[in-house]
């Protein structure tokens, strides 16, 4: 069981924006587990601010890929 204010997953489908931010960052380095990915998907469907953050991560990923491809 989590302590109050702790935003670790505890079976709840809806996650906080703070947790979504952590998962968005984490998925840049490692694939998320099925449960984490689903919770993030649900959160992004309902939260415009976090969708915006996800788009920013996607733009950064694309920019980094283009830089890497250009340098090869």
N, C-alpha and C. Protein backbone atom coordinates (compact mmCIF):
# COMPACT_ATOMS: atom_id res chain seq x y z
N UNK A 1 0.84 -1.18 0.00
CA UNK A 1 0.00 0.00 0.00
C UNK A 1 0.89 1.24 0.00
N UNK A 2 0.48 2.26 -0.73
CA UNK A 2 1.24 3.49 -0.86
C UNK A 2 0.92 4.45 0.27
N UNK A 3 1.88 5.28 0.58
CA UNK A 3 1.67 6.32 1.57
C UNK A 3 0.87 7.46 0.94
N UNK A 4 0.16 8.25 1.73
CA UNK A 4 -0.57 9.39 1.17
C UNK A 4 0.38 10.30 0.41
N UNK A 5 -0.04 10.72 -0.79
CA UNK A 5 0.79 11.60 -1.60
C UNK A 5 1.78 10.85 -2.47
N UNK A 6 1.94 9.57 -2.24
CA UNK A 6 2.83 8.75 -3.05
C UNK A 6 2.09 8.41 -4.33
N UNK A 7 2.73 8.61 -5.50
CA UNK A 7 2.00 8.35 -6.73
C UNK A 7 2.50 7.10 -7.44
N UNK A 8 2.93 6.11 -6.70
CA UNK A 8 3.23 4.82 -7.30
C UNK A 8 1.93 4.15 -7.70
N UNK A 9 2.02 3.26 -8.69
CA UNK A 9 0.83 2.55 -9.13
C UNK A 9 0.37 1.61 -8.03
N UNK A 10 -0.94 1.59 -7.79
CA UNK A 10 -1.50 0.70 -6.78
C UNK A 10 -2.78 0.05 -7.29
N UNK A 11 -2.86 -0.16 -8.61
CA UNK A 11 -4.04 -0.77 -9.19
C UNK A 11 -5.08 0.22 -9.67
N UNK A 12 -4.92 1.48 -9.35
CA UNK A 12 -5.87 2.51 -9.78
C UNK A 12 -5.63 2.79 -11.26
N UNK A 13 -6.70 2.89 -12.03
CA UNK A 13 -6.56 3.11 -13.47
C UNK A 13 -6.09 4.53 -13.76
N UNK A 14 -6.70 5.53 -13.13
CA UNK A 14 -6.32 6.92 -13.39
C UNK A 14 -5.09 7.27 -12.57
N UNK A 15 -4.10 7.85 -13.24
CA UNK A 15 -2.87 8.25 -12.57
C UNK A 15 -2.81 9.77 -12.52
N UNK A 16 -1.93 10.29 -11.70
CA UNK A 16 -1.76 11.73 -11.58
C UNK A 16 -0.92 12.25 -12.74
N UNK A 17 -0.96 13.55 -12.95
CA UNK A 17 -0.11 14.18 -13.96
C UNK A 17 1.36 13.95 -13.62
N UNK A 18 1.67 13.99 -12.36
CA UNK A 18 3.05 13.76 -11.93
C UNK A 18 3.51 12.36 -12.35
N UNK A 19 2.67 11.36 -12.12
CA UNK A 19 3.00 9.99 -12.50
C UNK A 19 3.08 9.86 -14.02
N UNK A 20 2.18 10.52 -14.74
CA UNK A 20 2.21 10.50 -16.20
C UNK A 20 3.51 11.08 -16.71
N UNK A 21 3.98 12.15 -16.10
CA UNK A 21 5.24 12.76 -16.49
C UNK A 21 6.41 11.79 -16.31
N UNK A 22 6.40 11.08 -15.20
CA UNK A 22 7.44 10.08 -14.94
C UNK A 22 7.40 9.00 -16.02
N UNK A 23 6.20 8.52 -16.34
CA UNK A 23 6.08 7.46 -17.33
C UNK A 23 6.45 7.94 -18.73
N UNK A 24 6.11 9.17 -19.07
CA UNK A 24 6.50 9.72 -20.37
C UNK A 24 8.01 9.77 -20.51
N UNK A 25 8.68 10.18 -19.45
CA UNK A 25 10.14 10.23 -19.46
C UNK A 25 10.72 8.82 -19.51
N UNK A 26 10.19 7.93 -18.69
CA UNK A 26 10.71 6.57 -18.62
C UNK A 26 10.59 5.83 -19.94
N UNK A 27 9.48 6.06 -20.66
CA UNK A 27 9.29 5.31 -21.91
C UNK A 27 10.23 5.76 -23.02
N UNK A 28 10.95 6.86 -22.80
CA UNK A 28 11.97 7.26 -23.76
C UNK A 28 13.18 6.33 -23.68
N UNK A 29 13.39 5.72 -22.54
CA UNK A 29 14.55 4.85 -22.33
C UNK A 29 14.21 3.37 -22.34
N UNK A 30 13.04 3.03 -21.83
CA UNK A 30 12.64 1.63 -21.68
C UNK A 30 11.19 1.47 -22.07
N UNK A 31 10.83 0.32 -22.62
CA UNK A 31 9.40 0.10 -22.87
C UNK A 31 8.64 -0.01 -21.55
N UNK A 32 7.46 0.56 -21.51
CA UNK A 32 6.63 0.45 -20.32
C UNK A 32 5.97 -0.92 -20.28
N UNK A 33 5.66 -1.37 -19.09
CA UNK A 33 4.88 -2.59 -18.95
C UNK A 33 3.47 -2.35 -19.46
N UNK A 34 2.75 -3.41 -19.69
CA UNK A 34 1.41 -3.30 -20.24
C UNK A 34 0.49 -2.45 -19.35
N UNK A 35 0.53 -2.67 -18.05
CA UNK A 35 -0.35 -1.92 -17.14
C UNK A 35 0.03 -0.44 -17.11
N UNK A 36 1.33 -0.14 -17.06
CA UNK A 36 1.77 1.26 -17.06
C UNK A 36 1.37 1.95 -18.36
N UNK A 37 1.57 1.27 -19.48
CA UNK A 37 1.24 1.85 -20.78
C UNK A 37 -0.25 2.14 -20.87
N UNK A 38 -1.07 1.24 -20.36
CA UNK A 38 -2.52 1.43 -20.40
C UNK A 38 -2.93 2.62 -19.52
N UNK A 39 -2.37 2.69 -18.34
CA UNK A 39 -2.69 3.81 -17.44
C UNK A 39 -2.28 5.14 -18.07
N UNK A 40 -1.12 5.15 -18.71
CA UNK A 40 -0.66 6.38 -19.37
C UNK A 40 -1.59 6.73 -20.53
N UNK A 41 -1.99 5.75 -21.31
CA UNK A 41 -2.90 5.98 -22.44
C UNK A 41 -4.22 6.57 -21.95
N UNK A 42 -4.77 6.02 -20.88
CA UNK A 42 -6.03 6.53 -20.32
C UNK A 42 -5.84 7.97 -19.86
N UNK A 43 -4.75 8.22 -19.15
CA UNK A 43 -4.50 9.57 -18.64
C UNK A 43 -4.37 10.56 -19.80
N UNK A 44 -3.61 10.19 -20.83
CA UNK A 44 -3.42 11.09 -21.96
C UNK A 44 -4.73 11.36 -22.71
N UNK A 45 -5.62 10.38 -22.72
CA UNK A 45 -6.92 10.58 -23.37
C UNK A 45 -7.75 11.63 -22.64
N UNK A 46 -7.51 11.79 -21.34
CA UNK A 46 -8.32 12.68 -20.52
C UNK A 46 -7.64 14.00 -20.16
N UNK A 47 -6.33 14.08 -20.33
CA UNK A 47 -5.58 15.25 -19.84
C UNK A 47 -4.86 15.96 -20.99
N UNK A 48 -5.37 17.11 -21.36
CA UNK A 48 -4.78 17.88 -22.44
C UNK A 48 -3.37 18.37 -22.15
N UNK A 49 -3.11 18.75 -20.92
CA UNK A 49 -1.77 19.24 -20.58
C UNK A 49 -0.74 18.13 -20.75
N UNK A 50 -1.07 16.94 -20.32
CA UNK A 50 -0.13 15.82 -20.45
C UNK A 50 0.01 15.38 -21.90
N UNK A 51 -1.08 15.50 -22.69
CA UNK A 51 -0.97 15.22 -24.13
C UNK A 51 0.02 16.18 -24.76
N UNK A 52 -0.01 17.42 -24.31
CA UNK A 52 0.93 18.42 -24.80
C UNK A 52 2.37 18.02 -24.45
N UNK A 53 2.58 17.58 -23.24
CA UNK A 53 3.92 17.12 -22.82
C UNK A 53 4.34 15.92 -23.67
N UNK A 54 3.42 15.01 -23.93
CA UNK A 54 3.73 13.83 -24.76
C UNK A 54 4.14 14.27 -26.17
N UNK A 55 3.46 15.28 -26.71
CA UNK A 55 3.83 15.80 -28.04
C UNK A 55 5.22 16.43 -28.00
N UNK A 56 5.54 17.10 -26.90
CA UNK A 56 6.87 17.69 -26.78
C UNK A 56 7.95 16.61 -26.74
N UNK A 57 7.69 15.52 -26.01
CA UNK A 57 8.63 14.39 -25.98
C UNK A 57 8.80 13.83 -27.39
N UNK A 58 7.70 13.69 -28.12
CA UNK A 58 7.76 13.15 -29.48
C UNK A 58 8.58 14.06 -30.39
N UNK A 59 8.42 15.37 -30.25
CA UNK A 59 9.19 16.32 -31.05
C UNK A 59 10.68 16.22 -30.72
N UNK A 60 11.00 16.09 -29.44
CA UNK A 60 12.41 15.94 -29.04
C UNK A 60 12.99 14.65 -29.60
N UNK A 61 12.21 13.56 -29.52
CA UNK A 61 12.67 12.27 -30.05
C UNK A 61 12.96 12.37 -31.53
N UNK A 62 12.06 13.01 -32.29
CA UNK A 62 12.24 13.17 -33.72
C UNK A 62 13.46 14.03 -34.04
N UNK A 63 13.64 15.11 -33.30
CA UNK A 63 14.79 15.98 -33.51
C UNK A 63 16.10 15.22 -33.24
N UNK A 64 16.12 14.42 -32.20
CA UNK A 64 17.33 13.64 -31.88
C UNK A 64 17.60 12.60 -32.97
N UNK A 65 16.55 11.95 -33.49
CA UNK A 65 16.72 10.98 -34.57
C UNK A 65 17.28 11.65 -35.81
N UNK A 66 16.77 12.83 -36.13
CA UNK A 66 17.26 13.56 -37.31
C UNK A 66 18.72 13.96 -37.15
N UNK A 67 19.10 14.41 -35.96
CA UNK A 67 20.49 14.73 -35.71
C UNK A 67 21.38 13.50 -35.85
N UNK A 68 20.94 12.40 -35.28
CA UNK A 68 21.71 11.15 -35.35
C UNK A 68 21.84 10.71 -36.80
N UNK A 69 20.76 10.76 -37.57
CA UNK A 69 20.78 10.33 -38.96
C UNK A 69 21.67 11.25 -39.81
N UNK A 70 21.65 12.53 -39.51
CA UNK A 70 22.46 13.50 -40.25
C UNK A 70 23.94 13.25 -40.03
N UNK A 71 24.30 12.84 -38.82
CA UNK A 71 25.70 12.64 -38.47
C UNK A 71 26.27 11.30 -38.97
N UNK A 72 25.41 10.44 -39.47
CA UNK A 72 25.92 9.13 -39.94
C UNK A 72 26.34 9.16 -41.37
